[in-house]
Amino acid sequence: MSVSSSQRPPQRARRKLPRGWRTPRWLNRLGASCLIGGQALSAMAKGRINANDLMAELMEAGPASFLIVVITGLAAGTVFNIQVAAELSKQGASATVGGLLALGLAREIAPILTATLITGKVATAYAAQLGTMKVTEQIDAITMLRTDPVEYLVVPRVLAMVIMAPVQCLLFFWVGIWSGQVSSTLLYQIPPSVFWNSVRTWMEPSDLPAMLLKAVVFGLQIAVISCGWGLTTKGGPKEVGSSTTGAVVMILVTVALMDALLTKILFG
């Protein structure tokens, strides 16, 4: 026996989740950034790299930022000595100044400060450029031309950051060591031979490769998150600034967490 429509129980309307139960937008964007990064790495593994675009991004991620890295490295090495060498000299341990500076720079200071500088100089540019292209529908135009926007826009930026981040980190390290030696000699009369002998004694062969590994991981994070935040920008031109700020905050947080993890793995 069939039941008439008037006798059927009413269907319940679909209820939306309360606002507090929805996935936060930053988490959705972080997931989208990871997918974009995976697509970029896959394209790089297949050799889909435009040499001209790569050279342009290498110039932006590298030489355009060298001056900032050099100035900060000079300041970091000098400030470290002002804070540490004075106390060690009072304790009669001035011979350890070079080793402590080298270890501090290689294991922590150089990678994390270089990542911070690159975030402020390069990641903001990436997020703003791609965010502007997104809100002005240039990304849609690229897609309509049957061009993969990830391959065209993200791959050169990711590869440039992976290459230039360890180069800048190594530059920061050597500038910091050199400024530390000069300042310790001028301010605390520590002979250069004593300083460099301490560096050779304290540093282990694995310290520099570990430093460069940190820089590569941080460079990959910076490029993927900044490009991901740019490509997921929604709304008008005002949202470009919000995306840029959000990308910087997320990069700094994730780099700090990754730094703690890598430090435990490499030096724990």
Protein backbone atom coordinates (compact mmCIF):
# COMPACT_ATOMS: atom_id res chain seq x y z
CA MET A 1 0.00 0.00 0.00
CA SER A 2 1.52 3.33 -1.08
CA VAL A 3 1.69 6.26 1.27
CA SER A 4 0.46 9.59 -0.04
CA SER A 5 2.80 12.55 -0.01
CA SER A 6 0.68 14.23 2.68
CA GLN A 7 1.23 11.25 5.01
CA ARG A 8 5.02 11.09 4.56
CA PRO A 9 7.08 12.46 7.44
CA PRO A 10 8.68 15.80 6.56
CA GLN A 11 12.35 15.61 5.62
CA ARG A 12 14.71 17.38 7.93
CA ALA A 13 16.48 20.36 6.46
CA ARG A 14 20.26 20.11 6.24
CA ARG A 15 21.78 22.02 9.09
CA LYS A 16 25.00 23.93 8.69
CA LEU A 17 27.72 23.44 11.20
CA PRO A 18 28.05 26.20 13.77
CA ARG A 19 30.65 28.78 12.85
CA GLY A 20 32.99 27.67 15.61
CA TRP A 21 33.02 24.09 14.24
CA ARG A 22 34.10 24.98 10.73
CA THR A 23 37.65 24.39 9.58
CA PRO A 24 39.68 27.59 10.08
CA ARG A 25 40.54 29.36 6.86
CA TRP A 26 44.26 29.35 7.67
CA LEU A 27 44.17 25.56 7.94
CA ASN A 28 42.44 25.24 4.57
CA ARG A 29 45.02 27.53 3.02
CA LEU A 30 47.85 25.60 4.63
CA GLY A 31 46.48 22.37 3.15
CA ALA A 32 46.10 24.03 -0.25
CA SER A 33 49.68 25.29 0.00
CA CYS A 34 50.92 21.76 0.69
CA LEU A 35 49.07 20.49 -2.39
CA ILE A 36 50.51 23.29 -4.50
CA GLY A 37 53.98 22.50 -3.18
CA GLY A 38 53.52 18.84 -4.03
CA GLN A 39 52.49 19.74 -7.58
CA ALA A 40 55.52 22.00 -7.92
CA LEU A 41 57.91 19.31 -6.70
CA SER A 42 56.33 16.80 -9.08
CA ALA A 43 56.78 19.21 -12.01
CA MET A 44 60.41 19.80 -11.04
CA ALA A 45 61.03 16.05 -10.86
CA LYS A 46 59.68 15.78 -14.42
CA GLY A 47 61.98 18.55 -15.62
CA ARG A 48 59.23 21.05 -16.37
CA ILE A 49 61.29 24.13 -15.58
CA ASN A 50 61.39 27.33 -17.62
CA ALA A 51 65.04 28.48 -17.62
CA ASN A 52 64.23 32.14 -18.30
CA ASP A 53 61.71 32.38 -15.47
CA LEU A 54 64.11 30.53 -13.16
CA MET A 55 66.94 32.99 -13.82
CA ALA A 56 64.66 35.95 -13.07
CA GLU A 57 63.54 34.38 -9.77
CA LEU A 58 67.12 33.47 -8.84
CA MET A 59 68.08 37.12 -9.18
CA GLU A 60 65.17 38.20 -6.98
CA ALA A 61 65.76 35.54 -4.32
CA GLY A 62 69.56 35.88 -4.33
CA PRO A 63 71.60 38.96 -5.28
CA ALA A 64 68.74 41.33 -4.51
CA SER A 65 68.89 40.17 -0.87
CA PHE A 66 72.65 39.78 -0.38
CA LEU A 67 73.19 43.27 1.05
CA ILE A 68 70.59 42.72 3.80
CA VAL A 69 72.17 39.36 4.68
CA VAL A 70 75.68 40.86 4.83
CA ILE A 71 74.63 43.77 7.06
CA THR A 72 72.70 41.48 9.44
CA GLY A 73 75.57 38.97 9.53
CA LEU A 74 78.02 41.73 10.48
CA ALA A 75 75.72 42.89 13.25
CA ALA A 76 75.04 39.35 14.51
CA GLY A 77 78.71 38.40 14.84
CA THR A 78 79.61 41.67 16.54
CA VAL A 79 76.67 41.67 18.95
CA PHE A 80 77.37 38.06 19.92
CA ASN A 81 80.90 38.99 20.90
CA ILE A 82 79.80 42.04 22.84
CA GLN A 83 77.40 39.88 24.83
CA VAL A 84 79.51 36.74 25.25
CA ALA A 85 83.20 37.54 24.77
CA ALA A 86 83.23 40.07 27.58
CA GLU A 87 81.94 37.54 30.10
CA LEU A 88 84.21 34.76 28.88
CA SER A 89 87.23 37.06 29.03
CA LYS A 90 86.43 37.86 32.67
CA GLN A 91 86.37 34.11 33.38
CA GLY A 92 89.65 33.52 31.59
CA ALA A 93 87.95 31.55 28.81
CA SER A 94 88.58 33.93 25.90
CA ALA A 95 90.04 31.04 23.89
CA THR A 96 86.54 29.57 23.51
CA VAL A 97 84.94 32.65 21.95
CA GLY A 98 85.48 31.57 18.34
CA GLY A 99 84.15 28.07 18.90
CA LEU A 100 81.01 29.26 20.66
CA LEU A 101 80.30 31.81 17.95
CA ALA A 102 80.82 29.24 15.18
CA LEU A 103 78.55 26.69 16.83
CA GLY A 104 75.85 29.26 17.55
CA LEU A 105 75.89 30.56 13.99
CA ALA A 106 76.02 27.17 12.27
CA ARG A 107 73.45 25.38 14.37
CA GLU A 108 70.88 28.10 14.99
CA ILE A 109 71.57 31.77 14.30
CA ALA A 110 72.48 31.66 10.61
CA PRO A 111 69.61 29.41 9.39
CA ILE A 112 66.85 31.04 11.42
CA LEU A 113 67.91 34.65 10.81
CA THR A 114 68.46 34.01 7.12
CA ALA A 115 64.97 32.50 6.88
CA THR A 116 63.52 35.54 8.66
CA LEU A 117 65.30 37.95 6.31
CA ILE A 118 64.20 36.02 3.22
CA THR A 119 60.64 35.97 4.53
CA GLY A 120 60.60 39.74 4.86
CA LYS A 121 62.29 40.40 1.52
CA VAL A 122 61.21 37.62 -0.85
CA ALA A 123 58.15 35.85 0.59
CA THR A 124 56.21 39.10 0.84
CA ALA A 125 56.94 39.76 -2.83
CA TYR A 126 55.80 36.27 -3.84
CA ALA A 127 52.54 36.47 -1.90
CA ALA A 128 51.77 39.99 -3.13
CA GLN A 129 52.58 39.20 -6.77
CA LEU A 130 50.50 36.04 -6.94
CA GLY A 131 47.72 37.50 -4.83
CA THR A 132 47.43 40.47 -7.19
CA MET A 133 47.35 38.12 -10.18
CA LYS A 134 44.64 36.08 -8.51
CA VAL A 135 42.26 38.95 -7.68
CA THR A 136 42.77 40.54 -11.12
CA GLU A 137 41.89 37.19 -12.77
CA GLN A 138 45.27 36.82 -14.44
CA ILE A 139 45.50 33.29 -13.03
CA ASP A 140 42.22 32.44 -14.75
CA ALA A 141 43.58 33.81 -18.02
CA ILE A 142 46.69 31.64 -17.70
CA THR A 143 44.49 28.60 -17.11
CA MET A 144 42.34 29.42 -20.15
CA LEU A 145 45.51 29.43 -22.25
CA ARG A 146 45.98 25.79 -21.20
CA THR A 147 48.98 26.62 -19.06
CA ASP A 148 49.38 25.16 -15.61
CA PRO A 149 49.69 28.15 -13.22
CA VAL A 150 51.62 26.05 -10.69
CA GLU A 151 54.15 25.01 -13.32
CA TYR A 152 54.36 28.52 -14.77
CA LEU A 153 54.38 30.60 -11.56
CA VAL A 154 55.25 28.41 -8.58
CA VAL A 155 57.96 26.06 -9.87
CA PRO A 156 60.52 28.81 -10.68
CA ARG A 157 59.95 30.47 -7.31
CA VAL A 158 60.24 27.26 -5.31
CA LEU A 159 63.39 26.13 -7.12
CA ALA A 160 64.96 29.58 -6.78
CA MET A 161 64.37 29.59 -3.04
CA VAL A 162 65.69 26.05 -2.58
CA ILE A 163 68.88 27.06 -4.39
CA MET A 164 69.43 30.52 -2.92
CA ALA A 165 68.42 29.92 0.71
CA PRO A 166 71.53 27.78 1.52
CA VAL A 167 73.74 30.19 -0.45
CA GLN A 168 72.51 33.12 1.62
CA CYS A 169 72.78 31.10 4.82
CA LEU A 170 76.41 30.25 4.04
CA LEU A 171 77.10 33.92 3.27
CA PHE A 172 75.53 34.92 6.60
CA PHE A 173 77.67 32.35 8.43
CA TRP A 174 80.99 33.46 6.96
CA VAL A 175 80.23 37.16 7.40
CA GLY A 176 79.20 36.52 11.01
CA ILE A 177 82.37 34.54 11.75
CA TRP A 178 84.56 37.18 10.14
CA SER A 179 82.91 40.06 12.02
CA GLY A 180 83.18 38.08 15.25
CA GLN A 181 86.91 37.58 14.75
CA VAL A 182 87.50 41.26 13.95
CA SER A 183 85.43 42.52 16.88
CA SER A 184 86.99 40.07 19.35
CA THR A 185 90.47 41.18 18.29
CA LEU A 186 89.70 44.91 18.38
CA LEU A 187 87.56 44.97 21.52
CA TYR A 188 88.98 42.15 23.67
CA GLN A 189 92.52 41.66 22.28
CA ILE A 190 91.92 38.02 21.37
CA PRO A 191 94.58 37.01 18.78
CA PRO A 192 93.15 35.88 15.42
CA SER A 193 95.11 32.61 15.64
CA VAL A 194 93.46 31.79 18.98
CA PHE A 195 90.03 32.65 17.59
CA TRP A 196 90.34 30.48 14.44
CA ASN A 197 91.93 27.60 16.36
CA SER A 198 88.90 27.62 18.64
CA VAL A 199 86.60 27.52 15.59
CA ARG A 200 88.41 24.48 14.18
CA THR A 201 88.39 22.73 17.56
CA TRP A 202 84.74 23.24 18.42
CA MET A 203 83.07 22.74 15.05
CA GLU A 204 82.33 19.23 13.81
CA PRO A 205 82.37 18.17 10.13
CA SER A 206 78.61 17.67 10.18
CA ASP A 207 77.75 21.19 11.39
CA LEU A 208 77.93 22.94 8.01
CA PRO A 209 75.93 20.27 6.11
CA ALA A 210 73.30 20.36 8.87
CA MET A 211 73.13 24.16 8.60
CA LEU A 212 72.65 23.97 4.84
CA LEU A 213 69.99 21.27 5.24
CA LYS A 214 68.06 23.56 7.56
CA ALA A 215 68.35 26.37 5.03
CA VAL A 216 67.02 24.17 2.20
CA VAL A 217 64.01 23.06 4.27
CA PHE A 218 63.28 26.63 5.36
CA GLY A 219 63.59 27.88 1.78
CA LEU A 220 61.12 25.26 0.59
CA GLN A 221 58.67 26.21 3.35
CA ILE A 222 58.96 29.91 2.59
CA ALA A 223 58.34 29.48 -1.14
CA VAL A 224 55.47 27.00 -0.81
CA ILE A 225 53.55 28.93 1.84
CA SER A 226 54.01 32.35 0.23
CA CYS A 227 52.93 31.05 -3.20
CA GLY A 228 50.06 29.08 -1.64
CA TRP A 229 48.73 32.10 0.22
CA GLY A 230 49.01 34.19 -2.94
CA LEU A 231 47.13 31.70 -5.12
CA THR A 232 44.35 31.25 -2.55
CA THR A 233 43.65 34.98 -2.21
CA LYS A 234 39.94 35.78 -2.55
CA GLY A 235 38.14 39.08 -2.85
CA GLY A 236 39.42 42.44 -4.03
CA PRO A 237 42.77 44.22 -3.93
CA LYS A 238 42.46 44.81 -0.17
CA GLU A 239 42.76 41.06 0.40
CA VAL A 240 46.25 41.07 -1.14
CA GLY A 241 47.64 42.82 1.92
CA SER A 242 45.87 40.41 4.25
CA SER A 243 47.22 37.43 2.33
CA THR A 244 50.76 38.82 2.44
CA THR A 245 50.56 39.38 6.19
CA GLY A 246 49.02 35.94 6.75
CA ALA A 247 51.74 34.29 4.69
CA VAL A 248 54.49 35.96 6.72
CA VAL A 249 52.91 34.95 10.03
CA MET A 250 52.40 31.35 8.92
CA ILE A 251 55.96 31.11 7.57
CA LEU A 252 57.48 32.38 10.80
CA VAL A 253 55.40 29.98 12.90
CA THR A 254 56.08 26.91 10.76
CA VAL A 255 59.78 27.73 10.40
CA ALA A 256 60.10 27.99 14.18
CA LEU A 257 58.37 24.63 14.65
CA MET A 258 60.45 22.99 11.92
CA ASP A 259 63.61 24.47 13.43
CA ALA A 260 62.85 22.83 16.75
CA LEU A 261 62.23 19.49 15.03
CA LEU A 262 65.37 19.63 12.89
CA THR A 263 67.50 20.71 15.85
CA LYS A 264 66.32 17.70 17.82
CA ILE A 265 66.96 15.34 14.89
CA LEU A 266 70.34 16.75 13.84
CA PHE A 267 71.87 17.73 17.18
CA GLY A 268 69.72 16.05 19.83
